N, C-alpha and C. Protein backbone atom coordinates (compact mmCIF):
# COMPACT_ATOMS: atom_id res chain seq x y z
N MET A 1 87.30 186.45 92.95
CA MET A 1 87.10 185.19 92.28
C MET A 1 85.63 184.92 92.10
N SER A 2 85.32 184.34 91.00
CA SER A 2 83.94 184.01 90.70
C SER A 2 83.55 182.76 91.46
N SER A 3 82.31 182.72 91.94
CA SER A 3 81.83 181.56 92.69
C SER A 3 81.56 180.38 91.78
N SER A 4 81.56 180.59 90.46
CA SER A 4 81.31 179.48 89.54
C SER A 4 82.57 178.72 89.17
N LEU A 5 83.71 179.23 89.55
CA LEU A 5 84.96 178.54 89.24
C LEU A 5 85.17 177.36 90.18
N LEU A 6 85.64 176.27 89.63
CA LEU A 6 85.96 175.10 90.44
C LEU A 6 87.34 175.26 91.03
N THR A 7 87.43 175.00 92.29
CA THR A 7 88.74 175.00 92.93
C THR A 7 89.09 173.58 93.29
N ARG A 8 90.35 173.40 93.59
CA ARG A 8 90.77 172.05 93.98
C ARG A 8 89.98 171.60 95.22
N ARG A 9 89.73 172.53 96.12
CA ARG A 9 89.01 172.20 97.35
C ARG A 9 87.57 171.76 97.04
N THR A 10 86.89 172.42 96.13
CA THR A 10 85.50 172.03 95.83
C THR A 10 85.46 170.71 95.07
N VAL A 11 86.43 170.48 94.22
CA VAL A 11 86.48 169.19 93.51
C VAL A 11 86.71 168.05 94.50
N LEU A 12 87.69 168.24 95.41
CA LEU A 12 87.96 167.20 96.41
C LEU A 12 86.77 166.99 97.33
N ALA A 13 86.11 168.07 97.70
CA ALA A 13 84.93 167.95 98.56
C ALA A 13 83.83 167.18 97.83
N GLY A 14 83.67 167.46 96.57
CA GLY A 14 82.65 166.75 95.78
C GLY A 14 82.96 165.27 95.64
N LEU A 15 84.23 164.94 95.42
CA LEU A 15 84.63 163.54 95.30
C LEU A 15 84.44 162.81 96.63
N THR A 16 84.79 163.48 97.71
CA THR A 16 84.64 162.89 99.04
C THR A 16 83.16 162.65 99.33
N ALA A 17 82.33 163.61 99.00
CA ALA A 17 80.89 163.47 99.25
C ALA A 17 80.31 162.32 98.44
N SER A 18 80.74 162.20 97.19
CA SER A 18 80.20 161.10 96.39
C SER A 18 80.68 159.75 96.89
N ALA A 19 81.88 159.72 97.46
CA ALA A 19 82.38 158.45 98.02
C ALA A 19 81.62 158.10 99.29
N VAL A 20 81.29 159.13 100.10
CA VAL A 20 80.56 158.89 101.34
C VAL A 20 79.15 158.44 101.03
N VAL A 21 78.48 159.16 100.12
CA VAL A 21 77.13 158.77 99.72
C VAL A 21 77.21 157.39 99.07
N GLY A 22 78.22 157.23 98.26
CA GLY A 22 78.54 155.93 97.67
C GLY A 22 77.68 155.56 96.49
N TYR A 23 78.34 155.15 95.50
CA TYR A 23 77.68 154.54 94.37
C TYR A 23 77.66 153.06 94.65
N PRO A 24 76.68 152.36 94.14
CA PRO A 24 76.68 150.92 94.39
C PRO A 24 77.95 150.29 93.84
N ARG A 25 78.60 149.52 94.67
CA ARG A 25 79.82 148.84 94.23
C ARG A 25 79.46 147.48 93.68
N ARG A 26 80.03 147.18 92.57
CA ARG A 26 79.81 145.87 91.97
C ARG A 26 80.87 144.92 92.47
N SER A 27 80.43 143.76 92.86
CA SER A 27 81.37 142.75 93.31
C SER A 27 81.90 142.03 92.08
N HIS A 28 83.21 141.91 92.03
CA HIS A 28 83.82 141.20 90.91
C HIS A 28 84.08 139.74 91.26
N ALA A 29 83.73 139.37 92.48
CA ALA A 29 83.93 137.99 92.90
C ALA A 29 82.91 137.09 92.20
N GLN A 30 83.41 136.01 91.69
CA GLN A 30 82.53 135.05 91.04
C GLN A 30 81.83 134.21 92.10
N PRO A 31 80.58 133.83 91.86
CA PRO A 31 79.93 132.95 92.83
C PRO A 31 80.65 131.60 92.87
N LEU A 32 80.60 130.98 94.02
CA LEU A 32 81.25 129.68 94.16
C LEU A 32 80.46 128.62 93.40
N PRO A 33 81.15 127.65 92.80
CA PRO A 33 80.46 126.61 92.05
C PRO A 33 79.75 125.62 92.98
N LYS A 34 78.79 124.93 92.41
CA LYS A 34 78.03 123.94 93.18
C LYS A 34 78.91 122.74 93.50
N VAL A 35 78.76 122.25 94.73
CA VAL A 35 79.44 121.04 95.18
C VAL A 35 78.40 119.92 95.18
N VAL A 36 78.65 118.88 94.40
CA VAL A 36 77.76 117.73 94.35
C VAL A 36 78.36 116.65 95.23
N VAL A 37 77.68 116.34 96.32
CA VAL A 37 78.16 115.39 97.32
C VAL A 37 77.43 114.07 97.14
N THR A 38 78.18 112.99 96.98
CA THR A 38 77.59 111.66 96.93
C THR A 38 77.97 110.94 98.21
N LYS A 39 76.94 110.42 98.89
CA LYS A 39 77.16 109.81 100.19
C LYS A 39 76.22 108.63 100.39
N ASP A 40 76.56 107.80 101.37
CA ASP A 40 75.68 106.71 101.78
C ASP A 40 74.49 107.32 102.52
N PRO A 41 73.28 106.80 102.29
CA PRO A 41 72.10 107.38 102.95
C PRO A 41 72.16 107.37 104.48
N SER A 42 72.91 106.46 105.07
CA SER A 42 72.92 106.36 106.52
C SER A 42 74.04 107.15 107.19
N CYS A 43 74.86 107.86 106.43
CA CYS A 43 76.02 108.56 107.00
C CYS A 43 75.64 109.96 107.48
N GLY A 44 75.81 110.21 108.77
CA GLY A 44 75.51 111.51 109.34
C GLY A 44 76.64 112.50 109.23
N CYS A 45 77.89 112.02 109.33
CA CYS A 45 79.02 112.95 109.28
C CYS A 45 79.13 113.60 107.90
N CYS A 46 78.68 112.90 106.88
CA CYS A 46 78.70 113.46 105.52
C CYS A 46 77.77 114.67 105.44
N SER A 47 76.63 114.58 106.10
CA SER A 47 75.70 115.71 106.14
C SER A 47 76.33 116.87 106.91
N GLY A 48 77.07 116.57 107.97
CA GLY A 48 77.77 117.61 108.72
C GLY A 48 78.81 118.31 107.85
N TRP A 49 79.52 117.55 107.03
CA TRP A 49 80.50 118.14 106.12
C TRP A 49 79.80 119.02 105.09
N ALA A 50 78.67 118.54 104.56
CA ALA A 50 77.91 119.33 103.58
C ALA A 50 77.44 120.64 104.21
N ASP A 51 77.04 120.62 105.48
CA ASP A 51 76.65 121.84 106.18
C ASP A 51 77.82 122.81 106.28
N HIS A 52 79.03 122.28 106.54
CA HIS A 52 80.24 123.11 106.61
C HIS A 52 80.50 123.78 105.26
N ILE A 53 80.37 123.03 104.19
CA ILE A 53 80.61 123.56 102.85
C ILE A 53 79.57 124.62 102.51
N ARG A 54 78.31 124.34 102.83
CA ARG A 54 77.23 125.30 102.61
C ARG A 54 77.49 126.59 103.40
N GLY A 55 77.94 126.43 104.65
CA GLY A 55 78.23 127.59 105.49
C GLY A 55 79.37 128.44 104.95
N ALA A 56 80.22 127.86 104.12
CA ALA A 56 81.33 128.60 103.51
C ALA A 56 80.91 129.28 102.21
N GLY A 57 79.63 129.13 101.84
CA GLY A 57 79.11 129.83 100.66
C GLY A 57 78.93 129.00 99.41
N PHE A 58 79.25 127.72 99.47
CA PHE A 58 79.06 126.86 98.30
C PHE A 58 77.62 126.39 98.22
N PRO A 59 77.01 126.42 97.04
CA PRO A 59 75.74 125.72 96.89
C PRO A 59 76.03 124.22 96.91
N VAL A 60 75.16 123.44 97.52
CA VAL A 60 75.40 122.00 97.69
C VAL A 60 74.21 121.20 97.20
N GLU A 61 74.52 120.15 96.46
CA GLU A 61 73.53 119.15 96.04
C GLU A 61 73.99 117.81 96.61
N ILE A 62 73.08 117.10 97.25
CA ILE A 62 73.43 115.81 97.85
C ILE A 62 72.74 114.69 97.08
N LYS A 63 73.56 113.70 96.72
CA LYS A 63 73.05 112.48 96.08
C LYS A 63 73.36 111.33 97.02
N GLU A 64 72.40 110.45 97.20
CA GLU A 64 72.61 109.31 98.09
C GLU A 64 72.62 108.02 97.29
N THR A 65 73.57 107.15 97.64
CA THR A 65 73.68 105.84 97.01
C THR A 65 74.36 104.89 97.98
N SER A 66 73.98 103.64 97.91
CA SER A 66 74.66 102.63 98.73
C SER A 66 75.86 102.05 97.99
N GLU A 67 76.10 102.53 96.76
CA GLU A 67 77.22 102.04 95.95
C GLU A 67 78.25 103.14 95.70
N ILE A 68 78.64 103.82 96.76
CA ILE A 68 79.57 104.95 96.66
C ILE A 68 80.94 104.52 96.13
N ASN A 69 81.35 103.29 96.41
CA ASN A 69 82.68 102.84 95.96
C ASN A 69 82.79 102.80 94.44
N ARG A 70 81.71 102.52 93.75
CA ARG A 70 81.75 102.54 92.28
C ARG A 70 82.08 103.94 91.77
N LEU A 71 81.50 104.96 92.41
CA LEU A 71 81.79 106.34 92.03
C LEU A 71 83.26 106.66 92.27
N LYS A 72 83.80 106.25 93.41
CA LYS A 72 85.20 106.52 93.74
C LYS A 72 86.12 105.92 92.68
N VAL A 73 85.83 104.70 92.27
CA VAL A 73 86.64 104.04 91.24
C VAL A 73 86.52 104.80 89.92
N ARG A 74 85.29 105.16 89.54
CA ARG A 74 85.07 105.86 88.28
C ARG A 74 85.79 107.21 88.25
N LEU A 75 85.84 107.90 89.40
CA LEU A 75 86.47 109.21 89.47
C LEU A 75 87.98 109.15 89.73
N GLY A 76 88.51 107.96 89.97
CA GLY A 76 89.95 107.81 90.15
C GLY A 76 90.47 108.13 91.54
N VAL A 77 89.64 107.93 92.55
CA VAL A 77 90.10 108.15 93.92
C VAL A 77 90.95 106.96 94.34
N PRO A 78 92.23 107.18 94.67
CA PRO A 78 93.06 106.06 95.12
C PRO A 78 92.49 105.44 96.40
N GLN A 79 92.51 104.14 96.47
CA GLN A 79 91.93 103.42 97.60
C GLN A 79 92.50 103.89 98.94
N GLU A 80 93.81 104.19 98.97
CA GLU A 80 94.43 104.61 100.23
C GLU A 80 94.01 106.02 100.67
N LEU A 81 93.34 106.75 99.79
CA LEU A 81 92.87 108.09 100.14
C LEU A 81 91.36 108.13 100.40
N ALA A 82 90.71 106.98 100.33
CA ALA A 82 89.25 106.93 100.43
C ALA A 82 88.75 107.35 101.81
N SER A 83 87.55 107.89 101.79
CA SER A 83 86.85 108.29 103.00
C SER A 83 85.38 107.92 102.83
N CYS A 84 84.51 108.58 103.57
CA CYS A 84 83.11 108.16 103.59
C CYS A 84 82.24 108.80 102.51
N HIS A 85 82.63 109.94 101.96
CA HIS A 85 81.84 110.57 100.91
C HIS A 85 82.76 111.14 99.84
N THR A 86 82.18 111.36 98.67
CA THR A 86 82.92 111.88 97.53
C THR A 86 82.13 113.04 96.96
N ALA A 87 82.82 114.13 96.64
CA ALA A 87 82.15 115.29 96.06
C ALA A 87 82.85 115.70 94.77
N GLU A 88 82.13 116.44 93.97
CA GLU A 88 82.68 116.98 92.73
C GLU A 88 82.38 118.47 92.69
N VAL A 89 83.41 119.26 92.33
CA VAL A 89 83.24 120.71 92.23
C VAL A 89 84.28 121.27 91.27
N GLY A 90 83.83 122.09 90.36
CA GLY A 90 84.75 122.78 89.45
C GLY A 90 85.67 121.87 88.68
N GLY A 91 85.24 120.65 88.35
CA GLY A 91 86.08 119.72 87.62
C GLY A 91 87.03 118.91 88.50
N TYR A 92 86.95 119.07 89.80
CA TYR A 92 87.80 118.35 90.75
C TYR A 92 86.96 117.37 91.59
N VAL A 93 87.66 116.38 92.12
CA VAL A 93 87.08 115.43 93.06
C VAL A 93 87.51 115.84 94.46
N ILE A 94 86.57 115.82 95.40
CA ILE A 94 86.87 116.12 96.80
C ILE A 94 86.48 114.88 97.59
N GLU A 95 87.46 114.24 98.19
CA GLU A 95 87.24 112.98 98.91
C GLU A 95 87.35 113.21 100.40
N GLY A 96 86.27 112.97 101.11
CA GLY A 96 86.29 113.05 102.56
C GLY A 96 86.10 114.44 103.12
N HIS A 97 86.59 114.62 104.34
CA HIS A 97 86.31 115.80 105.15
C HIS A 97 87.29 116.95 104.90
N VAL A 98 87.39 117.38 103.65
CA VAL A 98 88.29 118.46 103.25
C VAL A 98 87.68 119.80 103.69
N PRO A 99 88.44 120.65 104.39
CA PRO A 99 87.92 121.96 104.78
C PRO A 99 87.60 122.84 103.57
N ALA A 100 86.58 123.66 103.72
CA ALA A 100 86.14 124.55 102.63
C ALA A 100 87.26 125.48 102.17
N ASP A 101 88.09 125.95 103.10
CA ASP A 101 89.19 126.85 102.71
C ASP A 101 90.16 126.17 101.75
N ALA A 102 90.41 124.88 101.95
CA ALA A 102 91.30 124.14 101.05
C ALA A 102 90.66 124.01 99.66
N ILE A 103 89.35 123.82 99.63
CA ILE A 103 88.65 123.73 98.34
C ILE A 103 88.70 125.06 97.61
N LYS A 104 88.50 126.14 98.33
CA LYS A 104 88.58 127.47 97.72
C LYS A 104 89.98 127.72 97.15
N ARG A 105 91.00 127.32 97.89
CA ARG A 105 92.38 127.48 97.41
C ARG A 105 92.60 126.64 96.15
N LEU A 106 92.11 125.40 96.15
CA LEU A 106 92.22 124.53 94.98
C LEU A 106 91.59 125.20 93.76
N LEU A 107 90.40 125.73 93.92
CA LEU A 107 89.69 126.36 92.80
C LEU A 107 90.38 127.63 92.33
N ALA A 108 91.05 128.34 93.24
CA ALA A 108 91.77 129.56 92.87
C ALA A 108 93.08 129.24 92.15
N GLU A 109 93.80 128.23 92.64
CA GLU A 109 95.11 127.89 92.08
C GLU A 109 95.02 127.02 90.83
N LYS A 110 93.97 126.22 90.73
CA LYS A 110 93.73 125.34 89.58
C LYS A 110 94.93 124.45 89.21
N PRO A 111 95.45 123.68 90.16
CA PRO A 111 96.58 122.79 89.81
C PRO A 111 96.11 121.65 88.90
N GLN A 112 97.04 121.08 88.17
CA GLN A 112 96.72 119.92 87.35
C GLN A 112 96.68 118.71 88.27
N ALA A 113 95.47 118.33 88.65
CA ALA A 113 95.27 117.22 89.58
C ALA A 113 93.84 116.74 89.45
N LYS A 114 93.59 115.56 90.02
CA LYS A 114 92.21 115.05 90.07
C LYS A 114 91.44 115.72 91.18
N GLY A 115 92.11 115.96 92.33
CA GLY A 115 91.39 116.59 93.42
C GLY A 115 92.11 116.54 94.75
N LEU A 116 91.33 116.71 95.80
CA LEU A 116 91.83 116.72 97.17
C LEU A 116 91.18 115.61 97.97
N ALA A 117 91.91 115.12 98.97
CA ALA A 117 91.37 114.08 99.84
C ALA A 117 91.86 114.27 101.26
N VAL A 118 90.99 113.93 102.21
CA VAL A 118 91.38 113.76 103.60
C VAL A 118 91.06 112.29 103.89
N PRO A 119 92.09 111.44 103.89
CA PRO A 119 91.85 110.01 104.10
C PRO A 119 91.26 109.74 105.48
N GLY A 120 90.41 108.75 105.53
CA GLY A 120 89.80 108.36 106.80
C GLY A 120 88.83 109.42 107.29
N MET A 121 88.71 109.51 108.59
CA MET A 121 87.75 110.43 109.19
C MET A 121 88.37 111.07 110.44
N PRO A 122 89.33 112.01 110.26
CA PRO A 122 90.01 112.59 111.43
C PRO A 122 89.06 113.35 112.34
N VAL A 123 89.21 113.14 113.63
CA VAL A 123 88.40 113.86 114.62
C VAL A 123 88.71 115.34 114.52
N GLY A 124 87.67 116.14 114.46
CA GLY A 124 87.82 117.59 114.39
C GLY A 124 87.81 118.14 112.99
N SER A 125 87.91 117.27 111.97
CA SER A 125 87.78 117.75 110.60
C SER A 125 86.31 118.12 110.38
N PRO A 126 85.99 118.93 109.37
CA PRO A 126 84.60 119.37 109.18
C PRO A 126 83.64 118.19 109.09
N GLY A 127 82.64 118.21 109.96
CA GLY A 127 81.66 117.12 110.02
C GLY A 127 82.03 116.04 111.02
N MET A 128 83.26 116.07 111.51
CA MET A 128 83.74 115.05 112.46
C MET A 128 84.09 115.66 113.82
N GLU A 129 83.48 116.79 114.14
CA GLU A 129 83.73 117.43 115.42
C GLU A 129 83.14 116.58 116.54
N VAL A 130 83.92 116.40 117.61
CA VAL A 130 83.47 115.64 118.77
C VAL A 130 83.66 116.55 119.99
N GLU A 131 82.54 116.97 120.58
CA GLU A 131 82.61 117.88 121.71
C GLU A 131 83.46 117.29 122.84
N GLY A 132 84.36 118.11 123.36
CA GLY A 132 85.21 117.68 124.45
C GLY A 132 86.44 116.90 124.03
N THR A 133 86.62 116.71 122.72
CA THR A 133 87.77 115.96 122.22
C THR A 133 88.64 116.89 121.38
N ALA A 134 89.93 116.88 121.65
CA ALA A 134 90.86 117.72 120.88
C ALA A 134 90.89 117.24 119.43
N PRO A 135 90.94 118.18 118.48
CA PRO A 135 90.98 117.79 117.07
C PRO A 135 92.31 117.17 116.67
N ASP A 136 92.24 116.22 115.75
CA ASP A 136 93.44 115.61 115.19
C ASP A 136 94.14 116.59 114.26
N THR A 137 95.44 116.37 114.06
CA THR A 137 96.18 117.05 113.00
C THR A 137 96.14 116.10 111.80
N TYR A 138 95.81 116.65 110.64
CA TYR A 138 95.67 115.80 109.45
C TYR A 138 96.12 116.55 108.21
N GLU A 139 96.37 115.78 107.16
CA GLU A 139 96.80 116.34 105.88
C GLU A 139 95.66 116.33 104.88
N VAL A 140 95.64 117.38 104.08
CA VAL A 140 94.80 117.42 102.88
C VAL A 140 95.73 117.06 101.74
N VAL A 141 95.40 116.01 101.02
CA VAL A 141 96.28 115.45 99.99
C VAL A 141 95.77 115.84 98.60
N LEU A 142 96.66 116.39 97.79
CA LEU A 142 96.38 116.65 96.38
C LEU A 142 96.75 115.38 95.63
N PHE A 143 95.82 114.87 94.82
CA PHE A 143 96.14 113.64 94.09
C PHE A 143 95.82 113.80 92.61
N GLY A 144 96.53 113.01 91.81
CA GLY A 144 96.35 113.07 90.36
C GLY A 144 97.47 112.34 89.66
N PRO A 145 97.74 112.73 88.42
CA PRO A 145 98.73 112.02 87.60
C PRO A 145 100.13 112.04 88.18
N ARG A 146 100.47 113.03 88.98
CA ARG A 146 101.82 113.12 89.55
C ARG A 146 101.92 112.42 90.90
N GLY A 147 100.85 111.73 91.30
CA GLY A 147 100.85 111.05 92.58
C GLY A 147 100.36 111.96 93.69
N PRO A 148 100.25 111.42 94.90
CA PRO A 148 99.75 112.23 96.01
C PRO A 148 100.83 113.13 96.61
N THR A 149 100.45 114.36 96.94
CA THR A 149 101.33 115.29 97.63
C THR A 149 100.52 116.04 98.69
N THR A 150 101.21 116.50 99.72
CA THR A 150 100.54 117.28 100.76
C THR A 150 100.17 118.65 100.20
N PHE A 151 98.91 118.99 100.27
CA PHE A 151 98.39 120.28 99.81
C PHE A 151 98.28 121.25 100.98
N ALA A 152 97.89 120.73 102.14
CA ALA A 152 97.74 121.56 103.34
C ALA A 152 97.70 120.65 104.56
N ARG A 153 97.95 121.26 105.71
CA ARG A 153 97.83 120.54 106.99
C ARG A 153 96.88 121.33 107.88
N TYR A 154 96.06 120.62 108.61
CA TYR A 154 95.09 121.25 109.49
C TYR A 154 95.08 120.58 110.84
N GLN A 155 94.64 121.33 111.82
CA GLN A 155 94.26 120.76 113.11
C GLN A 155 92.85 121.26 113.32
N GLY A 156 91.89 120.36 113.20
CA GLY A 156 90.49 120.78 113.17
C GLY A 156 90.28 121.63 111.93
N LEU A 157 89.74 122.84 112.10
CA LEU A 157 89.54 123.74 110.97
C LEU A 157 90.68 124.75 110.81
N ARG A 158 91.69 124.65 111.66
CA ARG A 158 92.80 125.61 111.65
C ARG A 158 93.92 125.10 110.74
N ALA A 159 94.22 125.91 109.73
CA ALA A 159 95.34 125.57 108.84
C ALA A 159 96.65 125.74 109.61
N LEU A 160 97.56 124.82 109.41
CA LEU A 160 98.87 124.88 110.08
C LEU A 160 99.95 125.36 109.13
């Protein structure tokens, strides 16, 4: 046999070597959209939530206003779902201490809705961690034209 002939073994060896050396792999994942957080200037837990979102890979812009309720009304946040801060991302409204994983799921599934809310300020939700205190179990609510529905349940940052 001639040494210039390709055999199955040499082809496989060549493919394996090129895979080991590796060609640069292109990531097909889209970058996460910017989250614009509007909060009261004196609220610390809102900054904690923004840190959680940033840590999950979202770029974050923070706007401060003492008239946050006007924004909530303009964006259609139902009063019973209100919390301490309001964010906007990817055409959705995010009200309160919604975990980043729920936001990522919302952006992936793209339901017809205004957004997500975690009413109130549950202990253990992102930004509301209290050392030595067990986290609350809470619902992430999808809200919009069809009314509010449970989107997810969490205990702290753990999805249930």
